[in-house]
Amino acid sequence: MHAKKIKLAPGVDLERVARGTPMFSGADLEALINEAAIIATLEDKDFVDQLDLDEARDKVRWGRANKSKKVQELERVATAYHEAG
C-alpha cells in the first residue's frame, strides 16, 4: 500500500521486506518506504532498490548510525555540564 507512491526497481521483492519487518506497524512501514526513498534520492538513483529498503529497515528499527565520535564526545561533555548544574 505505502510502496505504490514510489518507483521501485524491477527486482525489488516486497515479500522479503515483509518477512524482515515482523511486528512493524503501518506507520513503521510507511517510515521505512519514506526512508528508502530518501536514501535512493541522496544517491541520485531513479528507483528504490532492495539495498535501499534493507538499509531503511535498519534505520527505522535501530535509528540512525552515529558516524562521528567527535560529536558523541561533545554531547557527553555537554551532558556532564548539564547534570552538574
N, C-alpha and C. Protein backbone atom coordinates (compact mmCIF):
# COMPACT_ATOMS: atom_id res chain seq x y z
N MET A 1 0.83 -1.18 0.00
CA MET A 1 0.00 0.00 0.00
C MET A 1 0.88 1.26 0.00
N HIS A 2 1.88 1.32 0.90
CA HIS A 2 2.71 2.50 1.01
C HIS A 2 3.71 2.59 -0.15
N ALA A 3 4.03 1.46 -0.77
CA ALA A 3 5.03 1.44 -1.85
C ALA A 3 4.43 1.86 -3.18
N LYS A 4 3.14 2.06 -3.27
CA LYS A 4 2.52 2.46 -4.53
C LYS A 4 2.96 3.84 -4.98
N LYS A 5 3.36 4.69 -4.04
CA LYS A 5 3.66 6.07 -4.39
C LYS A 5 5.11 6.31 -4.78
N ILE A 6 5.96 5.26 -4.76
CA ILE A 6 7.35 5.44 -5.17
C ILE A 6 7.70 4.46 -6.29
N LYS A 7 8.76 4.80 -7.02
CA LYS A 7 9.23 3.93 -8.10
C LYS A 7 10.17 2.88 -7.52
N LEU A 8 9.83 1.62 -7.72
CA LEU A 8 10.67 0.52 -7.25
C LEU A 8 11.47 -0.05 -8.41
N ALA A 9 12.68 -0.49 -8.14
CA ALA A 9 13.49 -1.17 -9.15
C ALA A 9 12.81 -2.48 -9.53
N PRO A 10 13.05 -2.97 -10.74
CA PRO A 10 12.37 -4.19 -11.19
C PRO A 10 12.58 -5.41 -10.30
N GLY A 11 13.71 -5.54 -9.63
CA GLY A 11 13.98 -6.74 -8.84
C GLY A 11 13.60 -6.66 -7.38
N VAL A 12 12.87 -5.65 -6.97
CA VAL A 12 12.51 -5.48 -5.55
C VAL A 12 11.48 -6.53 -5.15
N ASP A 13 11.76 -7.20 -4.04
CA ASP A 13 10.88 -8.25 -3.51
C ASP A 13 10.22 -7.73 -2.23
N LEU A 14 8.97 -7.30 -2.34
CA LEU A 14 8.28 -6.76 -1.17
C LEU A 14 7.93 -7.85 -0.16
N GLU A 15 7.84 -9.11 -0.61
CA GLU A 15 7.62 -10.20 0.35
C GLU A 15 8.83 -10.37 1.25
N ARG A 16 10.02 -10.17 0.70
CA ARG A 16 11.24 -10.22 1.51
C ARG A 16 11.23 -9.11 2.55
N VAL A 17 10.80 -7.94 2.15
CA VAL A 17 10.69 -6.82 3.09
C VAL A 17 9.68 -7.17 4.19
N ALA A 18 8.57 -7.76 3.80
CA ALA A 18 7.53 -8.13 4.78
C ALA A 18 8.06 -9.17 5.78
N ARG A 19 8.85 -10.14 5.30
CA ARG A 19 9.42 -11.14 6.21
C ARG A 19 10.45 -10.52 7.15
N GLY A 20 11.09 -9.45 6.71
CA GLY A 20 12.11 -8.80 7.54
C GLY A 20 11.57 -7.75 8.47
N THR A 21 10.27 -7.52 8.45
CA THR A 21 9.69 -6.47 9.29
C THR A 21 8.53 -6.99 10.14
N PRO A 22 8.74 -8.07 10.90
CA PRO A 22 7.64 -8.53 11.75
C PRO A 22 7.36 -7.51 12.86
N MET A 23 6.13 -7.40 13.22
CA MET A 23 5.68 -6.51 14.29
C MET A 23 5.81 -5.03 13.94
N PHE A 24 6.06 -4.68 12.68
CA PHE A 24 6.07 -3.28 12.27
C PHE A 24 4.63 -2.82 12.13
N SER A 25 4.34 -1.64 12.62
CA SER A 25 3.01 -1.06 12.45
C SER A 25 2.92 -0.45 11.05
N GLY A 26 1.75 0.00 10.68
CA GLY A 26 1.57 0.67 9.40
C GLY A 26 2.43 1.93 9.31
N ALA A 27 2.53 2.65 10.42
CA ALA A 27 3.36 3.86 10.45
C ALA A 27 4.84 3.51 10.28
N ASP A 28 5.27 2.40 10.88
CA ASP A 28 6.65 1.96 10.71
C ASP A 28 6.94 1.59 9.26
N LEU A 29 6.00 0.92 8.62
CA LEU A 29 6.18 0.55 7.22
C LEU A 29 6.22 1.78 6.32
N GLU A 30 5.38 2.75 6.62
CA GLU A 30 5.40 3.98 5.84
C GLU A 30 6.73 4.72 6.04
N ALA A 31 7.24 4.74 7.27
CA ALA A 31 8.53 5.36 7.54
C ALA A 31 9.65 4.63 6.81
N LEU A 32 9.55 3.31 6.73
CA LEU A 32 10.54 2.52 6.01
C LEU A 32 10.57 2.90 4.53
N ILE A 33 9.41 2.99 3.92
CA ILE A 33 9.32 3.35 2.50
C ILE A 33 9.84 4.77 2.28
N ASN A 34 9.46 5.69 3.13
CA ASN A 34 9.92 7.08 3.00
C ASN A 34 11.44 7.17 3.18
N GLU A 35 11.97 6.44 4.14
CA GLU A 35 13.42 6.45 4.38
C GLU A 35 14.17 5.85 3.20
N ALA A 36 13.63 4.78 2.62
CA ALA A 36 14.24 4.17 1.44
C ALA A 36 14.25 5.15 0.26
N ALA A 37 13.18 5.90 0.11
CA ALA A 37 13.11 6.90 -0.96
C ALA A 37 14.13 8.00 -0.74
N ILE A 38 14.33 8.41 0.50
CA ILE A 38 15.33 9.43 0.82
C ILE A 38 16.73 8.91 0.52
N ILE A 39 17.00 7.68 0.91
CA ILE A 39 18.32 7.08 0.65
C ILE A 39 18.59 7.03 -0.84
N ALA A 40 17.61 6.58 -1.61
CA ALA A 40 17.78 6.50 -3.06
C ALA A 40 17.98 7.88 -3.68
N THR A 41 17.26 8.87 -3.19
CA THR A 41 17.40 10.23 -3.70
C THR A 41 18.78 10.79 -3.40
N LEU A 42 19.30 10.54 -2.21
CA LEU A 42 20.62 11.04 -1.85
C LEU A 42 21.72 10.40 -2.70
N GLU A 43 21.47 9.21 -3.20
CA GLU A 43 22.44 8.52 -4.05
C GLU A 43 22.15 8.74 -5.54
N ASP A 44 21.27 9.69 -5.85
CA ASP A 44 20.90 10.04 -7.24
C ASP A 44 20.40 8.84 -8.04
N LYS A 45 19.60 8.01 -7.43
CA LYS A 45 19.02 6.87 -8.12
C LYS A 45 17.63 7.24 -8.64
N ASP A 46 17.23 6.60 -9.72
CA ASP A 46 15.90 6.83 -10.28
C ASP A 46 14.85 5.94 -9.62
N PHE A 47 15.30 4.83 -9.01
CA PHE A 47 14.40 3.86 -8.40
C PHE A 47 14.90 3.50 -7.01
N VAL A 48 13.99 3.01 -6.18
CA VAL A 48 14.36 2.45 -4.88
C VAL A 48 14.65 0.97 -5.10
N ASP A 49 15.85 0.54 -4.71
CA ASP A 49 16.18 -0.88 -4.89
C ASP A 49 16.16 -1.61 -3.55
N GLN A 50 16.46 -2.90 -3.59
CA GLN A 50 16.37 -3.75 -2.40
C GLN A 50 17.34 -3.29 -1.31
N LEU A 51 18.53 -2.87 -1.68
CA LEU A 51 19.51 -2.41 -0.69
C LEU A 51 19.03 -1.16 0.04
N ASP A 52 18.35 -0.28 -0.67
CA ASP A 52 17.79 0.91 -0.03
C ASP A 52 16.74 0.52 1.01
N LEU A 53 15.91 -0.45 0.66
CA LEU A 53 14.87 -0.91 1.59
C LEU A 53 15.48 -1.60 2.81
N ASP A 54 16.54 -2.37 2.59
CA ASP A 54 17.20 -3.04 3.71
C ASP A 54 17.85 -2.03 4.66
N GLU A 55 18.52 -1.03 4.09
CA GLU A 55 19.15 0.00 4.91
C GLU A 55 18.09 0.80 5.67
N ALA A 56 16.98 1.10 5.00
CA ALA A 56 15.90 1.85 5.63
C ALA A 56 15.28 1.05 6.78
N ARG A 57 15.14 -0.27 6.59
CA ARG A 57 14.60 -1.13 7.65
C ARG A 57 15.47 -1.03 8.89
N ASP A 58 16.78 -1.08 8.71
CA ASP A 58 17.68 -0.99 9.85
C ASP A 58 17.60 0.37 10.53
N LYS A 59 17.46 1.43 9.75
CA LYS A 59 17.35 2.77 10.33
C LYS A 59 16.05 2.94 11.11
N VAL A 60 14.97 2.39 10.58
CA VAL A 60 13.68 2.50 11.28
C VAL A 60 13.71 1.67 12.55
N ARG A 61 14.32 0.50 12.49
CA ARG A 61 14.35 -0.40 13.64
C ARG A 61 15.28 0.10 14.73
N TRP A 62 16.51 0.51 14.37
CA TRP A 62 17.51 0.84 15.38
C TRP A 62 17.94 2.30 15.39
N GLY A 63 17.41 3.11 14.52
CA GLY A 63 17.79 4.52 14.48
C GLY A 63 18.99 4.75 13.59
N ARG A 64 19.31 6.00 13.38
CA ARG A 64 20.44 6.36 12.51
C ARG A 64 21.76 5.99 13.18
N ALA A 65 22.72 5.61 12.36
CA ALA A 65 24.04 5.25 12.86
C ALA A 65 24.81 6.52 13.24
N ASN A 66 25.50 6.46 14.35
CA ASN A 66 26.39 7.57 14.74
C ASN A 66 27.68 7.42 13.96
N LYS A 67 27.99 8.40 13.13
CA LYS A 67 29.17 8.29 12.29
C LYS A 67 30.33 9.14 12.78
N SER A 68 30.11 9.96 13.79
CA SER A 68 31.17 10.85 14.25
C SER A 68 31.38 10.68 15.74
N LYS A 69 32.58 10.26 16.12
CA LYS A 69 32.90 10.14 17.53
C LYS A 69 33.12 11.51 18.16
N LYS A 70 33.53 12.49 17.35
CA LYS A 70 33.75 13.85 17.85
C LYS A 70 32.44 14.44 18.38
N VAL A 71 31.37 14.27 17.63
CA VAL A 71 30.07 14.78 18.07
C VAL A 71 29.64 14.06 19.34
N GLN A 72 29.87 12.76 19.39
CA GLN A 72 29.48 11.99 20.56
C GLN A 72 30.23 12.49 21.80
N GLU A 73 31.51 12.79 21.67
CA GLU A 73 32.30 13.30 22.78
C GLU A 73 31.78 14.67 23.23
N LEU A 74 31.44 15.54 22.29
CA LEU A 74 30.89 16.85 22.63
C LEU A 74 29.55 16.72 23.35
N GLU A 75 28.75 15.75 22.93
CA GLU A 75 27.47 15.52 23.60
C GLU A 75 27.68 15.07 25.03
N ARG A 76 28.67 14.22 25.27
CA ARG A 76 28.96 13.75 26.63
C ARG A 76 29.40 14.91 27.53
N VAL A 77 30.24 15.78 27.00
CA VAL A 77 30.70 16.93 27.78
C VAL A 77 29.52 17.85 28.10
N ALA A 78 28.68 18.11 27.10
CA ALA A 78 27.51 18.96 27.33
C ALA A 78 26.57 18.34 28.35
N THR A 79 26.37 17.04 28.27
CA THR A 79 25.52 16.34 29.24
C THR A 79 26.11 16.43 30.64
N ALA A 80 27.43 16.28 30.76
CA ALA A 80 28.08 16.35 32.06
C ALA A 80 27.89 17.74 32.68
N TYR A 81 28.06 18.79 31.89
CA TYR A 81 27.83 20.15 32.40
C TYR A 81 26.39 20.33 32.83
N HIS A 82 25.47 19.80 32.02
CA HIS A 82 24.05 19.94 32.34
C HIS A 82 23.71 19.22 33.64
N GLU A 83 24.21 18.00 33.78
CA GLU A 83 23.93 17.22 35.01
C GLU A 83 24.59 17.83 36.24
N ALA A 84 25.74 18.43 36.05
CA ALA A 84 26.43 19.05 37.19
C ALA A 84 25.69 20.28 37.69
N GLY A 85 24.99 20.95 36.78
CA GLY A 85 24.26 22.16 37.13
C GLY A 85 23.07 21.83 37.94
